[in-house]
C-alpha atoms as a PDB file:
ATOM      1  CA  VAL A   1     -94.203 -12.419  94.185  1.00  0.00           C
ATOM      2  CA  LEU A   2     -91.490  -9.864  93.437  1.00  0.00           C
ATOM      3  CA  ARG A   3     -88.826 -12.226  94.798  1.00  0.00           C
ATOM      4  CA  GLY A   4     -90.126 -14.953  92.495  1.00  0.00           C
ATOM      5  CA  LYS A   5     -89.920 -12.656  89.481  1.00  0.00           C
ATOM      6  CA  LEU A   6     -86.397 -11.603  90.434  1.00  0.00           C
ATOM      7  CA  ASP A   7     -85.306 -15.232  90.785  1.00  0.00           C
ATOM      8  CA  ALA A   8     -86.807 -16.009  87.368  1.00  0.00           C
ATOM      9  CA  LEU A   9     -84.866 -13.107  85.855  1.00  0.00           C
ATOM     10  CA  LEU A  10     -81.640 -14.261  87.510  1.00  0.00           C
ATOM     11  CA  ALA A  11     -82.249 -17.814  86.304  1.00  0.00           C
ATOM     12  CA  LEU A  12     -82.546 -16.498  82.754  1.00  0.00           C
ATOM     13  CA  ALA A  13     -79.315 -14.515  83.139  1.00  0.00           C
ATOM     14  CA  GLU A  14     -77.471 -17.537  84.563  1.00  0.00           C
ATOM     15  CA  ALA A  15     -78.809 -20.025  82.003  1.00  0.00           C
ATOM     16  CA  THR A  16     -76.428 -21.706  79.566  1.00  0.00           C
ATOM     17  CA  ASP A  17     -79.015 -22.801  77.001  1.00  0.00           C
ATOM     18  CA  CYS A  18     -80.821 -20.718  74.384  1.00  0.00           C
ATOM     19  CA  ARG A  19     -82.296 -17.595  75.973  1.00  0.00           C
ATOM     20  CA  ARG A  20     -85.141 -17.317  73.461  1.00  0.00           C
ATOM     21  CA  VAL A  21     -86.278 -20.869  74.179  1.00  0.00           C
ATOM     22  CA  ARG A  22     -86.014 -20.276  77.929  1.00  0.00           C
ATOM     23  CA  LEU A  23     -87.907 -16.965  77.750  1.00  0.00           C
ATOM     24  CA  LEU A  24     -90.751 -18.429  75.705  1.00  0.00           C
ATOM     25  CA  GLN A  25     -91.010 -21.367  78.107  1.00  0.00           C
ATOM     26  CA  TYR A  26     -91.438 -18.938  80.993  1.00  0.00           C
ATOM     27  CA  PHE A  27     -94.536 -17.529  79.267  1.00  0.00           C
ATOM     28  CA  GLY A  28     -95.870 -20.990  78.432  1.00  0.00           C
ATOM     29  CA  GLU A  29     -94.904 -20.923  74.761  1.00  0.00           C
ATOM     30  CA  SER A  30     -92.636 -23.119  72.650  1.00  0.00           C
ATOM     31  CA  TYR A  31     -90.093 -22.056  70.055  1.00  0.00           C
ATOM     32  CA  GLY A  32     -90.233 -25.149  67.880  1.00  0.00           C
ATOM     33  CA  ARG A  33     -86.465 -25.553  67.737  1.00  0.00           C
ATOM     34  CA  LEU A  34     -83.795 -26.382  70.303  1.00  0.00           C
ATOM     35  CA  ALA A  35     -81.937 -23.100  69.791  1.00  0.00           C
ATOM     36  CA  CYS A  36     -82.405 -19.775  68.017  1.00  0.00           C
ATOM     37  CA  GLN A  37     -78.744 -19.408  66.959  1.00  0.00           C
ATOM     38  CA  ASN A  38     -79.055 -15.660  67.559  1.00  0.00           C
ATOM     39  CA  CYS A  39     -78.831 -15.051  71.327  1.00  0.00           C
ATOM     40  CA  ASP A  40     -75.537 -14.612  73.176  1.00  0.00           C
ATOM     41  CA  ASN A  41     -75.591 -18.172  74.538  1.00  0.00           C
ATOM     42  CA  CYS A  42     -76.035 -19.609  71.052  1.00  0.00           C
ATOM     43  CA  LEU A  43     -73.454 -17.368  69.377  1.00  0.00           C
ATOM     44  CA  SER A  44     -70.823 -17.312  72.140  1.00  0.00           C
ATOM     45  CA  PRO A  45     -71.353 -20.159  74.626  1.00  0.00           C
ATOM     46  CA  ALA A  46     -70.013 -19.265  78.066  1.00  0.00           C
ATOM     47  CA  PRO A  47     -67.694 -21.531  80.089  1.00  0.00           C
ATOM     48  CA  ILE A  48     -69.798 -24.060  81.980  1.00  0.00           C
ATOM     49  CA  TRP A  49     -69.780 -25.240  85.590  1.00  0.00           C
ATOM     50  CA  ASP A  50     -71.286 -28.700  86.045  1.00  0.00           C
ATOM     51  CA  ALA A  51     -73.624 -28.187  88.997  1.00  0.00           C
ATOM     52  CA  THR A  52     -75.201 -31.648  88.827  1.00  0.00           C
ATOM     53  CA  ASP A  53     -73.613 -32.793  92.081  1.00  0.00           C
ATOM     54  CA  ALA A  54     -74.869 -29.732  93.959  1.00  0.00           C
ATOM     55  CA  ALA A  55     -78.327 -30.108  92.402  1.00  0.00           C
ATOM     56  CA  ARG A  56     -78.636 -33.776  93.391  1.00  0.00           C
ATOM     57  CA  LYS A  57     -77.536 -33.012  96.948  1.00  0.00           C
ATOM     58  CA  LEU A  58     -80.090 -30.205  97.234  1.00  0.00           C
ATOM     59  CA  LEU A  59     -82.918 -32.335  95.878  1.00  0.00           C
ATOM     60  CA  SER A  60     -81.912 -35.265  98.064  1.00  0.00           C
ATOM     61  CA  THR A  61     -81.902 -33.036 101.146  1.00  0.00           C
ATOM     62  CA  ILE A  62     -85.357 -31.671 100.323  1.00  0.00           C
ATOM     63  CA  TYR A  63     -86.670 -35.215  99.881  1.00  0.00           C
ATOM     64  CA  ARG A  64     -85.169 -36.455 103.159  1.00  0.00           C
ATOM     65  CA  VAL A  65     -86.435 -33.460 105.118  1.00  0.00           C
ATOM     66  CA  GLN A  66     -89.969 -34.036 103.862  1.00  0.00           C
ATOM     67  CA  GLN A  67     -89.767 -37.751 104.656  1.00  0.00           C
ATOM     68  CA  VAL A  68     -88.464 -37.211 108.196  1.00  0.00           C
ATOM     69  CA  SER A  69     -90.534 -34.185 109.219  1.00  0.00           C
ATOM     70  CA  GLY A  70     -93.632 -34.510 107.066  1.00  0.00           C
ATOM     71  CA  ILE A  71     -93.466 -30.826 106.133  1.00  0.00           C
ATOM     72  CA  SER A  72     -91.543 -28.682 103.669  1.00  0.00           C
ATOM     73  CA  PHE A  73     -88.961 -26.004 104.392  1.00  0.00           C
ATOM     74  CA  GLY A  74     -87.545 -22.954 102.647  1.00  0.00           C
ATOM     75  CA  ALA A  75     -84.300 -22.565 100.757  1.00  0.00           C
ATOM     76  CA  GLY A  76     -82.348 -21.130 103.686  1.00  0.00           C
ATOM     77  CA  HIS A  77     -83.019 -24.117 105.929  1.00  0.00           C
ATOM     78  CA  ILE A  78     -82.194 -26.614 103.171  1.00  0.00           C
ATOM     79  CA  MET A  79     -78.898 -24.855 102.471  1.00  0.00           C
ATOM     80  CA  ASP A  80     -78.040 -24.774 106.175  1.00  0.00           C
ATOM     81  CA  ILE A  81     -78.442 -28.558 106.336  1.00  0.00           C
ATOM     82  CA  LEU A  82     -76.419 -29.202 103.213  1.00  0.00           C
ATOM     83  CA  ARG A  83     -73.630 -26.843 104.306  1.00  0.00           C
ATOM     84  CA  GLY A  84     -73.493 -28.414 107.771  1.00  0.00           C
ATOM     85  CA  LYS A  85     -74.761 -25.427 109.760  1.00  0.00           C
ATOM     86  CA  ALA A  86     -76.298 -26.747 112.983  1.00  0.00           C
ATOM     87  CA  THR A  87     -78.609 -23.797 113.590  1.00  0.00           C
ATOM     88  CA  ASP A  88     -81.257 -23.822 116.307  1.00  0.00           C
ATOM     89  CA  LYS A  89     -83.899 -24.643 113.705  1.00  0.00           C
ATOM     90  CA  VAL A  90     -81.827 -27.493 112.259  1.00  0.00           C
ATOM     91  CA  ARG A  91     -81.354 -28.970 115.739  1.00  0.00           C
ATOM     92  CA  GLN A  92     -85.011 -28.402 116.634  1.00  0.00           C
ATOM     93  CA  PHE A  93     -86.120 -30.756 113.860  1.00  0.00           C
ATOM     94  CA  GLY A  94     -83.193 -33.147 114.240  1.00  0.00           C
ATOM     95  CA  HIS A  95     -82.005 -32.422 110.725  1.00  0.00           C
ATOM     96  CA  GLU A  96     -78.355 -32.548 111.760  1.00  0.00           C
ATOM     97  CA  GLN A  97     -78.905 -36.327 111.815  1.00  0.00           C
ATOM     98  CA  LEU A  98     -79.751 -36.483 108.107  1.00  0.00           C
ATOM     99  CA  SER A  99     -77.283 -38.284 105.867  1.00  0.00           C
ATOM    100  CA  THR A 100     -76.934 -35.152 103.723  1.00  0.00           C
ATOM    101  CA  PHE A 101     -76.016 -32.872 106.648  1.00  0.00           C
ATOM    102  CA  GLY A 102     -72.730 -31.164 105.750  1.00  0.00           C
ATOM    103  CA  LEU A 103     -72.515 -33.075 102.477  1.00  0.00           C
ATOM    104  CA  GLY A 104     -72.308 -29.823 100.500  1.00  0.00           C
ATOM    105  CA  ALA A 105     -69.960 -27.869 102.752  1.00  0.00           C
ATOM    106  CA  GLU A 106     -67.751 -27.067  99.762  1.00  0.00           C
ATOM    107  CA  PHE A 107     -70.517 -24.983  98.166  1.00  0.00           C
ATOM    108  CA  SER A 108     -71.177 -21.364  99.112  1.00  0.00           C
ATOM    109  CA  GLU A 109     -74.674 -20.049  99.713  1.00  0.00           C
ATOM    110  CA  ALA A 110     -74.417 -18.044  96.481  1.00  0.00           C
ATOM    111  CA  GLN A 111     -73.629 -21.200  94.505  1.00  0.00           C
ATOM    112  CA  LEU A 112     -76.500 -23.155  96.013  1.00  0.00           C
ATOM    113  CA  ARG A 113     -78.964 -20.319  95.425  1.00  0.00           C
ATOM    114  CA  ALA A 114     -77.920 -20.213  91.764  1.00  0.00           C
ATOM    115  CA  VAL A 115     -78.494 -23.968  91.484  1.00  0.00           C
ATOM    116  CA  LEU A 116     -81.885 -23.671  93.191  1.00  0.00           C
ATOM    117  CA  ARG A 117     -82.936 -20.983  90.718  1.00  0.00           C
ATOM    118  CA  GLN A 118     -82.155 -23.312  87.821  1.00  0.00           C
ATOM    119  CA  LEU A 119     -84.008 -26.191  89.471  1.00  0.00           C
ATOM    120  CA  ILE A 120     -87.056 -23.971  89.922  1.00  0.00           C
ATOM    121  CA  ALA A 121     -86.830 -22.625  86.365  1.00  0.00           C
ATOM    122  CA  SER A 122     -86.514 -26.149  84.930  1.00  0.00           C
ATOM    123  CA  GLY A 123     -89.546 -27.472  86.811  1.00  0.00           C
ATOM    124  CA  ALA A 124     -87.646 -29.703  89.226  1.00  0.00           C
ATOM    125  CA  LEU A 125     -88.766 -27.576  92.179  1.00  0.00           C
ATOM    126  CA  HIS A 126     -91.750 -25.410  93.001  1.00  0.00           C
ATOM    127  CA  VAL A 127     -91.814 -22.559  95.507  1.00  0.00           C
ATOM    128  CA  ASP A 128     -95.074 -22.539  97.455  1.00  0.00           C
ATOM    129  CA  ALA A 129     -95.601 -18.821  98.078  1.00  0.00           C
ATOM    130  CA  GLU A 130     -98.696 -19.491 100.194  1.00  0.00           C
ATOM    131  CA  ARG A 131     -96.733 -21.719 102.580  1.00  0.00           C
ATOM    132  CA  TYR A 132     -93.840 -19.475 103.547  1.00  0.00           C
ATOM    133  CA  HIS A 133     -91.993 -20.031 100.235  1.00  0.00           C
ATOM    134  CA  THR A 134     -91.232 -23.660 101.017  1.00  0.00           C
ATOM    135  CA  LEU A 135     -89.672 -25.888  98.361  1.00  0.00           C
ATOM    136  CA  GLN A 136     -91.687 -28.707  96.786  1.00  0.00           C
ATOM    137  CA  LEU A 137     -90.219 -31.497  94.665  1.00  0.00           C
ATOM    138  CA  GLN A 138     -91.711 -31.809  91.180  1.00  0.00           C
ATOM    139  CA  ASP A 139     -91.606 -34.508  88.499  1.00  0.00           C
ATOM    140  CA  GLY A 140     -88.628 -32.760  86.922  1.00  0.00           C
ATOM    141  CA  ALA A 141     -86.503 -33.712  89.943  1.00  0.00           C
ATOM    142  CA  ARG A 142     -86.576 -37.449  89.169  1.00  0.00           C
ATOM    143  CA  PRO A 143     -84.191 -37.548  86.175  1.00  0.00           C
ATOM    144  CA  ILE A 144     -81.701 -35.345  88.043  1.00  0.00           C
ATOM    145  CA  LEU A 145     -81.777 -37.541  91.149  1.00  0.00           C
ATOM    146  CA  ARG A 146     -81.363 -40.648  88.989  1.00  0.00           C
ATOM    147  CA  GLY A 147     -78.352 -39.177  87.214  1.00  0.00           C
ATOM    148  CA  GLU A 148     -80.186 -39.035  83.882  1.00  0.00           C
ATOM    149  CA  GLN A 149     -80.101 -35.256  83.521  1.00  0.00           C
ATOM    150  CA  ALA A 150     -77.267 -32.791  84.126  1.00  0.00           C
ATOM    151  CA  VAL A 151     -77.520 -29.298  85.604  1.00  0.00           C
ATOM    152  CA  ARG A 152     -75.084 -26.743  84.243  1.00  0.00           C
ATOM    153  CA  LEU A 153     -74.465 -23.111  85.139  1.00  0.00           C
ATOM    154  CA  ARG A 154     -72.305 -20.369  83.752  1.00  0.00           C
ATOM    155  CA  ALA A 155     -68.852 -20.691  85.296  1.00  0.00           C
ATOM    156  CA  ASP A 156     -68.653 -16.934  85.907  1.00  0.00           C
ATOM    157  CA  VAL A 157     -71.852 -17.062  87.970  1.00  0.00           C
ATOM    158  CA  ALA A 158     -71.236 -19.935  90.359  1.00  0.00           C
ATOM    159  CA  ALA A 159     -67.784 -21.427  89.965  1.00  0.00           C
ATOM    160  CA  PRO A 160     -66.595 -23.226  93.118  1.00  0.00           C
ATOM    161  CA  ALA A 161     -65.266 -20.710  95.619  1.00  0.00           C
ATOM    162  CA  ALA A 162     -61.689 -20.743  96.877  1.00  0.00           C
ATOM    163  CA  ARG A 163     -61.081 -21.925 100.415  1.00  0.00           C
ATOM    164  CA  PRO A 164     -60.495 -19.192 103.038  1.00  0.00           C
ATOM    165  CA  ARG A 165     -56.819 -20.112 103.434  1.00  0.00           C
ATOM    166  CA  GLN A 166     -56.336 -19.970  99.662  1.00  0.00           C
ATOM    167  CA  ARG A 167     -57.870 -16.507  99.520  1.00  0.00           C
ATOM    168  CA  LYS A 168     -55.625 -15.400 102.364  1.00  0.00           C
ATOM    169  CA  ALA A 169     -52.528 -16.591 100.521  1.00  0.00           C
ATOM    170  CA  ALA A 170     -53.596 -14.756  97.383  1.00  0.00           C
ATOM    171  CA  ARG A 171     -53.907 -11.475  99.276  1.00  0.00           C
ATOM    172  CA  GLY A 172     -50.521 -11.655 100.937  1.00  0.00           C
ATOM    173  CA  THR A 173     -49.473 -11.872 104.556  1.00  0.00           C
ATOM    174  CA  THR A 174     -49.405  -8.230 105.700  1.00  0.00           C
ATOM    175  CA  PRO A 175     -51.752  -8.024 108.707  1.00  0.00           C
ATOM    176  CA  ALA A 176     -54.497  -5.422 108.898  1.00  0.00           C
ATOM    177  CA  PRO A 177     -53.879  -2.586 111.397  1.00  0.00           C
ATOM    178  CA  ALA A 178     -56.566  -3.912 113.741  1.00  0.00           C
ATOM    179  CA  ALA A 179     -54.761  -7.263 113.923  1.00  0.00           C
ATOM    180  CA  ALA A 180     -51.173  -6.024 114.081  1.00  0.00           C
ATOM    181  CA  SER A 181     -50.737  -6.884 117.768  1.00  0.00           C
ATOM    182  CA  LEU A 182     -52.167 -10.412 117.543  1.00  0.00           C
ATOM    183  CA  ASP A 183     -50.009 -13.504 117.941  1.00  0.00           C
ATOM    184  CA  ALA A 184     -49.613 -16.017 115.106  1.00  0.00           C
ATOM    185  CA  ALA A 185     -52.589 -18.195 116.075  1.00  0.00           C
ATOM    186  CA  ALA A 186     -54.864 -15.176 116.467  1.00  0.00           C
ATOM    187  CA  GLN A 187     -53.610 -13.779 113.149  1.00  0.00           C
ATOM    188  CA  GLN A 188     -54.759 -16.990 111.467  1.00  0.00           C
ATOM    189  CA  ARG A 189     -58.173 -16.763 113.133  1.00  0.00           C
ATOM    190  CA  PHE A 190     -58.438 -13.131 112.045  1.00  0.00           C
ATOM    191  CA  ALA A 191     -57.600 -14.055 108.435  1.00  0.00           C
ATOM    192  CA  ASP A 192     -60.171 -16.866 108.439  1.00  0.00           C
ATOM    193  CA  LEU A 193     -62.806 -14.571 109.941  1.00  0.00           C
ATOM    194  CA  LYS A 194     -62.124 -11.910 107.300  1.00  0.00           C
ATOM    195  CA  ALA A 195     -62.422 -14.508 104.544  1.00  0.00           C
ATOM    196  CA  TRP A 196     -65.730 -15.704 106.003  1.00  0.00           C
ATOM    197  CA  ARG A 197     -66.968 -12.102 106.321  1.00  0.00           C
ATOM    198  CA  GLY A 198     -66.075 -11.435 102.695  1.00  0.00           C
ATOM    199  CA  GLU A 199     -68.061 -14.450 101.545  1.00  0.00           C
ATOM    200  CA  VAL A 200     -71.120 -13.433 103.576  1.00  0.00           C
ATOM    201  CA  ALA A 201     -70.881  -9.857 102.284  1.00  0.00           C
ATOM    202  CA  ARG A 202     -70.736 -11.025  98.666  1.00  0.00           C
ATOM    203  CA  GLU A 203     -73.634 -13.424  99.123  1.00  0.00           C
ATOM    204  CA  HIS A 204     -75.858 -10.655 100.494  1.00  0.00           C
ATOM    205  CA  ASN A 205     -74.475  -7.767  98.410  1.00  0.00           C
ATOM    206  CA  LEU A 206     -73.376  -5.842 101.497  1.00  0.00           C
ATOM    207  CA  PRO A 207     -70.201  -3.933 102.367  1.00  0.00           C
ATOM    208  CA  ALA A 208     -67.954  -6.081 104.562  1.00  0.00           C
ATOM    209  CA  TYR A 209     -68.013  -3.591 107.444  1.00  0.00           C
ATOM    210  CA  VAL A 210     -71.792  -3.994 107.733  1.00  0.00           C
ATOM    211  CA  ILE A 211     -71.223  -7.608 108.779  1.00  0.00           C
ATOM    212  CA  PHE A 212     -68.446  -6.828 111.302  1.00  0.00           C
ATOM    213  CA  HIS A 213     -65.731  -4.174 111.565  1.00  0.00           C
ATOM    214  CA  ASP A 214     -62.082  -5.272 111.528  1.00  0.00           C
ATOM    215  CA  ALA A 215     -61.775  -4.279 115.191  1.00  0.00           C
ATOM    216  CA  THR A 216     -64.572  -6.678 116.120  1.00  0.00           C
ATOM    217  CA  LEU A 217     -63.001  -9.518 114.136  1.00  0.00           C
ATOM    218  CA  ALA A 218     -59.641  -8.807 115.777  1.00  0.00           C
ATOM    219  CA  ALA A 219     -61.245  -8.981 119.226  1.00  0.00           C
ATOM    220  CA  ILE A 220     -62.886 -12.293 118.333  1.00  0.00           C
ATOM    221  CA  ALA A 221     -59.579 -13.637 117.024  1.00  0.00           C
ATOM    222  CA  GLU A 222     -57.760 -12.557 120.184  1.00  0.00           C
ATOM    223  CA  ARG A 223     -60.272 -13.973 122.668  1.00  0.00           C
ATOM    224  CA  ALA A 224     -61.140 -17.125 120.682  1.00  0.00           C
ATOM    225  CA  PRO A 225     -64.627 -17.453 122.251  1.00  0.00           C
ATOM    226  CA  GLN A 226     -65.997 -20.957 122.706  1.00  0.00           C
ATOM    227  CA  SER A 227     -69.652 -20.136 123.310  1.00  0.00           C
ATOM    228  CA  LEU A 228     -72.319 -17.645 122.305  1.00  0.00           C
ATOM    229  CA  ALA A 229     -72.193 -16.182 125.814  1.00  0.00           C
ATOM    230  CA  GLU A 230     -68.479 -15.435 125.447  1.00  0.00           C
ATOM    231  CA  LEU A 231     -69.041 -14.033 121.974  1.00  0.00           C
ATOM    232  CA  GLN A 232     -71.791 -11.713 123.193  1.00  0.00           C
ATOM    233  CA  GLY A 233     -69.373  -9.926 125.497  1.00  0.00           C
ATOM    234  CA  ILE A 234     -67.275  -8.633 122.588  1.00  0.00           C
ATOM    235  CA  SER A 235     -67.781  -5.041 121.448  1.00  0.00           C
ATOM    236  CA  GLY A 236     -69.632  -4.794 118.138  1.00  0.00           C
ATOM    237  CA  ILE A 237     -71.738  -7.924 118.620  1.00  0.00           C
ATOM    238  CA  GLY A 238     -75.304  -7.104 119.566  1.00  0.00           C
ATOM    239  CA  ALA A 239     -78.244  -9.445 119.971  1.00  0.00           C
ATOM    240  CA  SER A 240     -79.198  -9.279 116.293  1.00  0.00           C
ATOM    241  CA  LYS A 241     -75.730 -10.112 114.966  1.00  0.00           C
ATOM    242  CA  LEU A 242     -75.270 -12.764 117.617  1.00  0.00           C
ATOM    243  CA  GLU A 243     -78.419 -14.528 116.456  1.00  0.00           C
ATOM    244  CA  ARG A 244     -77.620 -14.086 112.766  1.00  0.00           C
ATOM    245  CA  TYR A 245     -73.915 -14.895 112.702  1.00  0.00           C
ATOM    246  CA  GLY A 246     -72.999 -16.303 116.110  1.00  0.00           C
ATOM    247  CA  ASP A 247     -72.822 -19.999 115.253  1.00  0.00           C
ATOM    248  CA  GLU A 248     -70.862 -19.358 112.064  1.00  0.00           C
ATOM    249  CA  VAL A 249     -68.388 -17.048 113.807  1.00  0.00           C
ATOM    250  CA  LEU A 250     -67.724 -19.659 116.479  1.00  0.00           C
ATOM    251  CA  ARG A 251     -67.228 -22.322 113.831  1.00  0.00           C
ATOM    252  CA  VAL A 252     -64.665 -20.220 111.969  1.00  0.00           C
ATOM    253  CA  ALA A 253     -62.921 -19.064 115.151  1.00  0.00           C
ATOM    254  CA  ARG A 254     -62.520 -22.674 116.266  1.00  0.00           C
ATOM    255  CA  GLY A 255     -60.713 -23.452 113.050  1.00  0.00           C
ATOM    256  CA  ALA A 256     -63.490 -25.456 111.361  1.00  0.00           C
ATOM    257  CA  GLY A 257     -63.956 -22.952 108.550  1.00  0.00           C
END
């Protein structure tokens, strides 16, 4: 319940339309006009990111998952499919075979969560709290899927993220102390791993070192593990982090990030 209220609050903060209209709609009331002309969005419209493509891909994935499996899934699983993350759960249900698998790899988890919040707030999706917070398509999804309705977010909330190599170039080429002894190929892996770690840390509002220390990333970059078993032997990677981040770390270390 608290998570639902928080998501509703975030959806209001990320909205680009009139806040008064949106707030009254949340409480089941109508304003009578399209805009109040007094809130910040009305007086100083923020730069907009057109999230229609991401929204249609999310809704399409939810539809296909329900058609194939006959059951609904939560936001995390849907985002894993769309971002091309072949987790154990994705493989268990054969969802890596869906036509939308990996179709939204250019979107970060933070972007997709912001889009999902707007879809829920607009009535295109419903979160079934009694069934493990699974996502249910609603009538409001139809015009978006048909291309009849756009989905827009504030650009400062969910603008498309820079690629890891672009972020590396922006920071310069001086290696971190932990990676100073690595060869050129390992240096590149280390940079990609740091970029990935930074994205995960931002998405979950955590300090980067909580994900992995530089020394652990340097060891991964040096050894270039090819399996979870090889990854598990590296200092700083326990069972919990292996389960949580293992597949993603291997993907980045192999150069697919």
